[in-house]
Amino acid sequence: MNTVIFTPALVRGDAVSHDVLTMVNALRRAGHEAHACAKWINDGIAAIPLGDVGERLTSADDLLIYHHSIGLDDGLKMMQRLPCRKIVKYHNVTPPHFFASINREVMRGCQLGLDQLGPLLDASEAVWVDSDFNGRDMQDQRPGREYQVLPPFNQVEELIAAEPDLTAVGLHDDWLTNILVVGRLVPNKNALLAVEAFAEYRAKHDRHSRLIFVGDVAQNRYCDQVIARIRELRLSRHVVITGKINQRQLKTLFLTAQTLLTTSSHEGFCLPLVEAMGMCVPIVAVANTAIPDTAGDVARYAEATPSALADALADTADRESRLRRGWERYQAMYRNEAIEARFLAMVDEVAADHIRTDGVRR
């Protein structure tokens, strides 16, 4: 069986790209022929170009796993025309309205992703989702369509094993209360709410605190809005925006953080929640979209208001209990070894269903 695992772009540091590449490695360890594929591929990532897929997937026994998070016409045509078995791994599509005033190109890509979800589902034999929220979202387009939950592979084990960056420790291990926000600085992550909540927290609870944003800052117009609000609230000396960082630096920031704050308006999974569980960092979050699916009873949830979030950040009453539950949840649900075993079993299930349906292997 030849397998190709496809996503529109393979980018270093991207969660979907990491899921794709780890799936490929898992299949190869299990003795399968497997390749990653994308239309756009960062230099140094081992993958085949989009044009080579048709030469590799020529049989009904072959398999295409399509990771869907944004629209791509070439990808939909491939799903509809190839003769192989097909699976959609649905990571969710960010609603386009988040980017309407920020980036029209990204907005169009998100709208195309929503428009193409139904046809992709029609072309697939199975649907896998990161979270139950994604499954319910998918069923809005195809009511009753069955799905299986497969959490994305993560880098928590590498994060735990990584050596901290001592330079970063020196910058942030200074007795201030560090509140960490991890994720791209984009509108659906709602960084503006995090800034407002931090301002309230400093005013009501802890003047000796710092807010640290970690993640890609490519959406310049939105970053400008966030920085402007930080200045309006006179927080410039108390907020750090790191941009993209390496694994050693990320580990250091988790080690020096008192809380992970998640204020996202829309998430299909939210990997930083899993990283916080594995690194034993308390979580304060707004219970939007997939966040409760991922964090369960580990996070302290608050309404999406600065005052409620500030009070939640200050409330440490059952901190140790939540840390214990977070570690246990990570061990039970999100270890890569467990995800890999489930992934391989789901691949085998699709193959077995195909044989039963046809009666013979072609």
Protein backbone atom coordinates (compact mmCIF):
# COMPACT_ATOMS: atom_id res chain seq x y z
CA MET A 1 0.00 0.00 0.00
CA ASN A 2 1.35 3.40 -1.01
CA THR A 3 0.26 6.28 1.21
CA VAL A 4 0.50 10.01 0.62
CA ILE A 5 -0.33 12.45 3.41
CA PHE A 6 -1.21 15.86 2.02
CA THR A 7 -1.59 19.39 3.34
CA PRO A 8 -1.54 22.60 1.28
CA ALA A 9 1.73 23.85 2.84
CA LEU A 10 4.48 22.18 4.86
CA VAL A 11 5.97 24.84 7.11
CA ARG A 12 8.43 24.53 9.98
CA GLY A 13 6.83 25.09 13.36
CA ASP A 14 3.29 24.65 12.02
CA ALA A 15 1.05 22.26 13.97
CA VAL A 16 -0.66 20.73 10.93
CA SER A 17 2.68 20.23 9.19
CA HIS A 18 4.03 18.48 12.29
CA ASP A 19 0.99 16.20 12.35
CA VAL A 20 1.55 15.28 8.68
CA LEU A 21 5.27 14.55 9.04
CA THR A 22 4.80 12.51 12.21
CA MET A 23 2.10 10.43 10.54
CA VAL A 24 4.52 9.67 7.70
CA ASN A 25 7.19 8.51 10.15
CA ALA A 26 4.68 6.36 12.04
CA LEU A 27 3.59 4.59 8.85
CA ARG A 28 7.19 3.99 7.81
CA ARG A 29 7.98 2.47 11.21
CA ALA A 30 5.02 0.15 10.64
CA GLY A 31 6.48 -0.97 7.30
CA HIS A 32 4.36 1.13 4.93
CA GLU A 33 5.51 3.18 1.95
CA ALA A 34 4.53 6.73 2.93
CA HIS A 35 5.29 10.26 1.75
CA ALA A 36 4.36 13.76 2.82
CA CYS A 37 3.12 16.07 0.10
CA ALA A 38 2.21 19.75 -0.24
CA LYS A 39 1.86 22.42 -2.88
CA TRP A 40 4.23 24.70 -0.93
CA ILE A 41 7.16 23.07 0.91
CA ASN A 42 9.74 24.79 3.11
CA ASP A 43 13.34 24.09 2.12
CA GLY A 44 14.74 21.11 3.97
CA ILE A 45 11.42 19.32 4.55
CA ALA A 46 11.35 15.89 2.94
CA ALA A 47 8.21 15.76 0.82
CA ILE A 48 7.03 15.07 -2.72
CA PRO A 49 5.52 17.82 -4.90
CA LEU A 50 1.83 17.89 -5.70
CA GLY A 51 2.45 16.85 -9.29
CA ASP A 52 3.94 13.48 -8.23
CA VAL A 53 0.90 12.25 -6.30
CA GLY A 54 -0.92 10.78 -9.30
CA GLU A 55 2.09 8.59 -10.13
CA ARG A 56 2.16 7.10 -6.62
CA LEU A 57 -1.55 6.57 -5.94
CA THR A 58 -2.70 4.49 -8.89
CA SER A 59 -4.50 1.63 -7.15
CA ALA A 60 -7.68 1.28 -5.10
CA ASP A 61 -5.43 -0.18 -2.40
CA ASP A 62 -3.41 3.03 -2.08
CA LEU A 63 -4.32 5.69 0.46
CA LEU A 64 -4.49 9.50 0.51
CA ILE A 65 -4.87 11.26 3.87
CA TYR A 66 -5.88 14.88 3.26
CA HIS A 67 -5.30 17.36 6.10
CA HIS A 68 -7.87 20.13 5.70
CA SER A 69 -7.57 23.54 7.34
CA ILE A 70 -7.69 25.99 4.40
CA GLY A 71 -8.95 25.90 0.82
CA LEU A 72 -6.95 24.66 -2.18
CA ASP A 73 -8.47 23.98 -5.61
CA ASP A 74 -5.66 21.61 -6.61
CA GLY A 75 -6.21 19.57 -3.46
CA LEU A 76 -9.94 19.16 -4.03
CA LYS A 77 -9.37 18.06 -7.64
CA MET A 78 -6.85 15.48 -6.44
CA MET A 79 -9.33 14.10 -3.89
CA GLN A 80 -12.08 13.85 -6.48
CA ARG A 81 -10.04 12.27 -9.29
CA LEU A 82 -7.60 9.79 -7.77
CA PRO A 83 -8.69 6.12 -7.69
CA CYS A 84 -7.32 5.36 -4.22
CA ARG A 85 -8.95 5.30 -0.78
CA LYS A 86 -9.23 8.74 0.81
CA ILE A 87 -9.43 10.04 4.37
CA VAL A 88 -10.04 13.64 5.44
CA LYS A 89 -8.24 14.74 8.62
CA TYR A 90 -10.23 17.84 9.57
CA HIS A 91 -8.30 20.41 11.60
CA ASN A 92 -11.12 22.97 11.28
CA VAL A 93 -11.14 26.13 9.18
CA THR A 94 -10.88 29.52 10.86
CA PRO A 95 -14.07 31.49 10.11
CA PRO A 96 -13.22 34.08 7.43
CA HIS A 97 -14.71 37.03 9.31
CA PHE A 98 -11.74 37.07 11.68
CA PHE A 99 -9.53 38.25 8.81
CA ALA A 100 -11.98 40.56 7.01
CA SER A 101 -10.23 43.77 8.05
CA ILE A 102 -6.76 42.26 8.46
CA ASN A 103 -5.82 40.11 5.46
CA ARG A 104 -8.18 39.65 2.53
CA GLU A 105 -6.07 36.88 1.01
CA VAL A 106 -6.23 34.78 4.18
CA MET A 107 -9.95 35.54 4.43
CA ARG A 108 -10.49 34.18 0.91
CA GLY A 109 -8.46 31.06 1.71
CA CYS A 110 -10.59 30.40 4.79
CA GLN A 111 -13.83 30.93 2.87
CA LEU A 112 -12.62 28.54 0.17
CA GLY A 113 -11.79 26.02 2.90
CA LEU A 114 -15.36 26.19 4.21
CA ASP A 115 -16.80 25.92 0.70
CA GLN A 116 -14.66 22.87 -0.08
CA LEU A 117 -15.35 20.94 3.13
CA GLY A 118 -18.55 19.34 1.83
CA PRO A 119 -17.06 18.14 -1.48
CA LEU A 120 -13.98 16.81 0.35
CA LEU A 121 -16.21 14.84 2.71
CA ASP A 122 -18.17 13.45 -0.26
CA ALA A 123 -14.92 12.23 -1.82
CA SER A 124 -13.65 10.52 1.34
CA GLU A 125 -14.24 7.10 2.85
CA ALA A 126 -13.52 8.18 6.42
CA VAL A 127 -13.35 11.40 8.41
CA TRP A 128 -10.90 11.98 11.25
CA VAL A 129 -11.04 15.06 13.44
CA ASP A 130 -8.77 16.60 16.09
CA SER A 131 -11.64 17.12 18.53
CA ASP A 132 -15.33 16.47 19.01
CA PHE A 133 -15.90 20.15 18.30
CA ASN A 134 -14.43 19.63 14.82
CA GLY A 135 -16.69 16.63 14.35
CA ARG A 136 -19.78 18.62 15.27
CA ASP A 137 -18.63 21.46 13.02
CA MET A 138 -18.18 19.01 10.14
CA GLN A 139 -21.68 17.64 10.70
CA ASP A 140 -23.14 21.10 10.14
CA GLN A 141 -22.33 20.48 6.47
CA ARG A 142 -23.02 16.75 6.40
CA PRO A 143 -25.52 15.88 9.16
CA GLY A 144 -25.10 12.35 10.46
CA ARG A 145 -21.68 11.83 8.86
CA GLU A 146 -19.63 9.66 11.20
CA TYR A 147 -16.17 10.65 12.38
CA GLN A 148 -13.38 9.44 14.63
CA VAL A 149 -11.35 11.64 16.96
CA LEU A 150 -7.58 11.50 16.52
CA PRO A 151 -5.64 14.17 18.44
CA PRO A 152 -2.77 15.72 16.50
CA PHE A 153 0.76 14.57 17.25
CA ASN A 154 2.60 16.99 19.51
CA GLN A 155 6.14 17.90 20.58
CA VAL A 156 5.67 17.61 24.35
CA GLU A 157 8.19 14.79 24.77
CA GLU A 158 10.83 16.78 22.89
CA LEU A 159 9.91 19.83 24.95
CA ILE A 160 10.37 17.93 28.21
CA ALA A 161 13.73 16.56 27.06
CA ALA A 162 15.04 19.87 25.69
CA GLU A 163 17.75 21.82 27.50
CA PRO A 164 16.45 25.24 28.61
CA ASP A 165 17.97 28.33 27.03
CA LEU A 166 19.79 29.89 29.99
CA THR A 167 19.85 33.30 28.30
CA ALA A 168 16.06 33.33 28.24
CA VAL A 169 15.97 32.20 31.87
CA GLY A 170 18.04 35.24 32.81
CA LEU A 171 15.60 37.53 31.03
CA HIS A 172 12.42 36.21 32.63
CA ASP A 173 13.25 34.44 35.90
CA ASP A 174 13.20 37.59 38.02
CA TRP A 175 10.45 37.00 40.60
CA LEU A 176 7.75 38.55 38.45
CA THR A 177 4.57 36.56 37.80
CA ASN A 178 4.86 35.42 34.19
CA ILE A 179 1.61 34.85 32.30
CA LEU A 180 2.20 33.02 29.02
CA VAL A 181 0.12 33.18 25.82
CA VAL A 182 1.28 30.70 23.15
CA GLY A 183 0.05 30.83 19.57
CA ARG A 184 0.18 32.92 16.42
CA LEU A 185 -0.75 36.57 16.92
CA VAL A 186 -3.87 36.41 14.77
CA PRO A 187 -7.44 37.67 15.34
CA ASN A 188 -9.06 34.33 16.26
CA LYS A 189 -6.59 33.93 19.14
CA ASN A 190 -8.07 37.11 20.63
CA ALA A 191 -4.83 38.57 21.95
CA LEU A 192 -6.62 41.86 22.62
CA LEU A 193 -8.70 40.15 25.31
CA ALA A 194 -5.50 38.73 26.85
CA VAL A 195 -4.07 42.26 27.02
CA GLU A 196 -7.24 43.62 28.63
CA ALA A 197 -7.34 40.75 31.13
CA PHE A 198 -3.70 41.28 32.03
CA ALA A 199 -4.28 44.98 32.61
CA GLU A 200 -7.14 44.12 34.97
CA TYR A 201 -5.05 41.48 36.73
CA ARG A 202 -2.21 43.94 37.34
CA ALA A 203 -4.60 46.58 38.65
CA LYS A 204 -6.54 44.27 40.98
CA HIS A 205 -4.19 41.47 41.99
CA ASP A 206 -0.48 41.66 41.12
CA ARG A 207 1.49 44.71 40.07
CA HIS A 208 4.61 42.56 39.78
CA SER A 209 3.56 40.58 36.72
CA ARG A 210 4.44 40.22 33.05
CA LEU A 211 2.50 39.05 29.98
CA ILE A 212 4.48 37.09 27.36
CA PHE A 213 3.14 36.43 23.84
CA VAL A 214 4.90 33.58 22.02
CA GLY A 215 4.25 32.84 18.35
CA ASP A 216 4.35 34.01 14.76
CA VAL A 217 3.63 37.71 14.20
CA ALA A 218 3.16 37.60 10.42
CA GLN A 219 -0.26 39.31 10.48
CA ASN A 220 1.21 42.79 10.77
CA ARG A 221 -2.04 44.77 10.83
CA TYR A 222 -3.38 42.77 13.74
CA CYS A 223 -0.05 42.99 15.58
CA ASP A 224 -0.22 46.76 15.18
CA GLN A 225 -3.65 46.75 16.84
CA VAL A 226 -2.36 44.67 19.76
CA ILE A 227 0.69 46.89 20.24
CA ALA A 228 -1.45 50.03 20.08
CA ARG A 229 -3.71 48.68 22.83
CA ILE A 230 -0.71 47.75 24.97
CA ARG A 231 0.51 51.33 24.69
CA GLU A 232 -2.92 52.80 25.41
CA LEU A 233 -3.03 50.80 28.64
CA ARG A 234 0.53 51.87 29.50
CA LEU A 235 1.71 48.26 29.61
CA SER A 236 4.70 48.48 27.26
CA ARG A 237 7.20 47.74 30.04
CA HIS A 238 5.14 44.75 31.21
CA VAL A 239 4.35 42.89 27.94
CA VAL A 240 6.81 40.87 25.84
CA ILE A 241 6.11 39.76 22.25
CA THR A 242 8.75 37.19 21.29
CA GLY A 243 7.73 36.19 17.77
CA LYS A 244 8.64 32.64 16.71
CA ILE A 245 11.13 30.97 19.03
CA ASN A 246 12.95 27.65 19.18
CA GLN A 247 12.12 24.68 21.37
CA ARG A 248 14.73 25.44 24.03
CA GLN A 249 13.39 28.97 24.42
CA LEU A 250 9.81 27.72 24.61
CA LYS A 251 10.77 25.26 27.34
CA THR A 252 12.38 28.08 29.30
CA LEU A 253 9.26 30.19 29.09
CA PHE A 254 7.09 27.32 30.30
CA LEU A 255 9.49 26.73 33.20
CA THR A 256 9.29 30.39 34.25
CA ALA A 257 5.51 30.74 33.70
CA GLN A 258 2.95 30.73 36.49
CA THR A 259 0.00 30.33 34.09
CA LEU A 260 -0.86 29.64 30.46
CA LEU A 261 -3.64 32.01 29.41
CA THR A 262 -5.83 31.03 26.44
CA THR A 263 -8.37 33.61 25.27
CA SER A 264 -9.02 32.25 21.77
CA SER A 265 -12.39 32.83 20.16
CA HIS A 266 -11.91 29.89 17.79
CA GLU A 267 -9.75 26.75 18.07
CA GLY A 268 -9.93 23.37 16.38
CA PHE A 269 -7.72 21.78 19.06
CA CYS A 270 -5.17 24.18 20.70
CA LEU A 271 -1.85 22.35 21.16
CA PRO A 272 -0.45 24.80 23.76
CA LEU A 273 -2.98 23.38 26.21
CA VAL A 274 -1.36 19.96 25.84
CA GLU A 275 2.10 21.50 26.18
CA ALA A 276 1.03 23.16 29.43
CA MET A 277 -0.29 19.84 30.76
CA GLY A 278 2.97 18.10 29.91
CA MET A 279 5.04 20.92 31.41
CA CYS A 280 2.82 21.10 34.53
CA VAL A 281 1.78 24.73 34.06
CA PRO A 282 -1.70 25.84 35.26
CA ILE A 283 -4.20 26.85 32.57
CA VAL A 284 -6.74 29.67 32.56
CA ALA A 285 -8.98 29.67 29.50
CA VAL A 286 -12.20 30.82 27.91
CA ALA A 287 -14.34 27.77 27.12
CA ASN A 288 -14.71 28.50 23.40
CA THR A 289 -14.99 25.96 20.55
CA ALA A 290 -12.55 23.01 21.03
CA ILE A 291 -10.84 24.30 24.17
CA PRO A 292 -13.00 22.32 26.64
CA ASP A 293 -12.59 19.19 24.48
CA THR A 294 -8.82 19.44 24.73
CA ALA A 295 -8.38 20.69 28.29
CA GLY A 296 -11.28 18.91 29.97
CA ASP A 297 -11.43 19.66 33.70
CA VAL A 298 -7.76 20.68 33.82
CA ALA A 299 -8.27 24.35 32.91
CA ARG A 300 -9.83 26.99 35.11
CA TYR A 301 -12.49 28.46 32.84
CA ALA A 302 -13.73 32.04 32.94
CA GLU A 303 -16.13 34.22 31.02
CA ALA A 304 -14.61 36.17 28.14
CA THR A 305 -14.35 39.40 30.10
CA PRO A 306 -11.20 41.06 31.45
CA SER A 307 -12.53 41.06 35.02
CA ALA A 308 -13.49 37.37 35.05
CA LEU A 309 -10.19 36.31 33.52
CA ALA A 310 -8.21 38.48 35.93
CA ASP A 311 -9.94 36.87 38.90
CA ALA A 312 -9.33 33.39 37.44
CA LEU A 313 -5.63 34.18 37.02
CA ALA A 314 -5.47 35.16 40.69
CA ASP A 315 -7.37 32.11 41.96
CA THR A 316 -4.88 29.35 42.92
CA ALA A 317 -7.13 27.43 45.32
CA ASP A 318 -6.89 24.01 43.65
CA ARG A 319 -3.71 24.57 41.66
CA GLU A 320 -1.98 21.31 42.62
CA SER A 321 -5.08 19.25 41.88
CA ARG A 322 -5.37 20.76 38.40
CA LEU A 323 -1.69 20.18 37.71
CA ARG A 324 -2.07 16.53 38.68
CA ARG A 325 -5.15 16.12 36.50
CA GLY A 326 -3.31 17.81 33.63
CA TRP A 327 -0.37 15.40 33.83
CA GLU A 328 -2.73 12.42 34.03
CA ARG A 329 -4.76 13.69 31.04
CA TYR A 330 -1.60 14.18 29.01
CA GLN A 331 -0.40 10.66 29.86
CA ALA A 332 -3.74 9.04 29.08
CA MET A 333 -4.75 10.94 25.93
CA TYR A 334 -1.91 12.89 24.36
CA ARG A 335 1.31 10.92 24.55
CA ASN A 336 2.57 10.41 21.00
CA GLU A 337 2.95 6.68 21.61
CA ALA A 338 -0.79 6.42 22.35
CA ILE A 339 -1.72 8.66 19.41
CA GLU A 340 0.47 6.60 17.07
CA ALA A 341 -1.15 3.34 18.17
CA ARG A 342 -4.61 4.79 17.57
CA PHE A 343 -3.56 6.24 14.21
CA LEU A 344 -2.19 2.92 12.91
CA ALA A 345 -5.29 1.07 14.12
CA MET A 346 -7.51 3.56 12.28
CA VAL A 347 -5.50 3.11 9.07
CA ASP A 348 -5.90 -0.66 9.38
CA GLU A 349 -9.63 -0.21 9.96
CA VAL A 350 -10.03 1.78 6.74
CA ALA A 351 -8.11 -0.91 4.84
CA ALA A 352 -10.23 -3.69 6.34
CA ASP A 353 -13.49 -1.86 5.57
CA HIS A 354 -12.35 -1.41 1.98
CA ILE A 355 -11.69 -5.15 1.57
CA ARG A 356 -15.03 -6.09 3.14
CA THR A 357 -16.89 -3.66 0.89
CA ASP A 358 -15.29 -4.88 -2.32
CA GLY A 359 -15.09 -8.54 -1.39
CA VAL A 360 -11.68 -8.81 -3.02
CA ARG A 361 -8.46 -6.83 -2.91
CA ARG A 362 -7.82 -5.04 -6.19
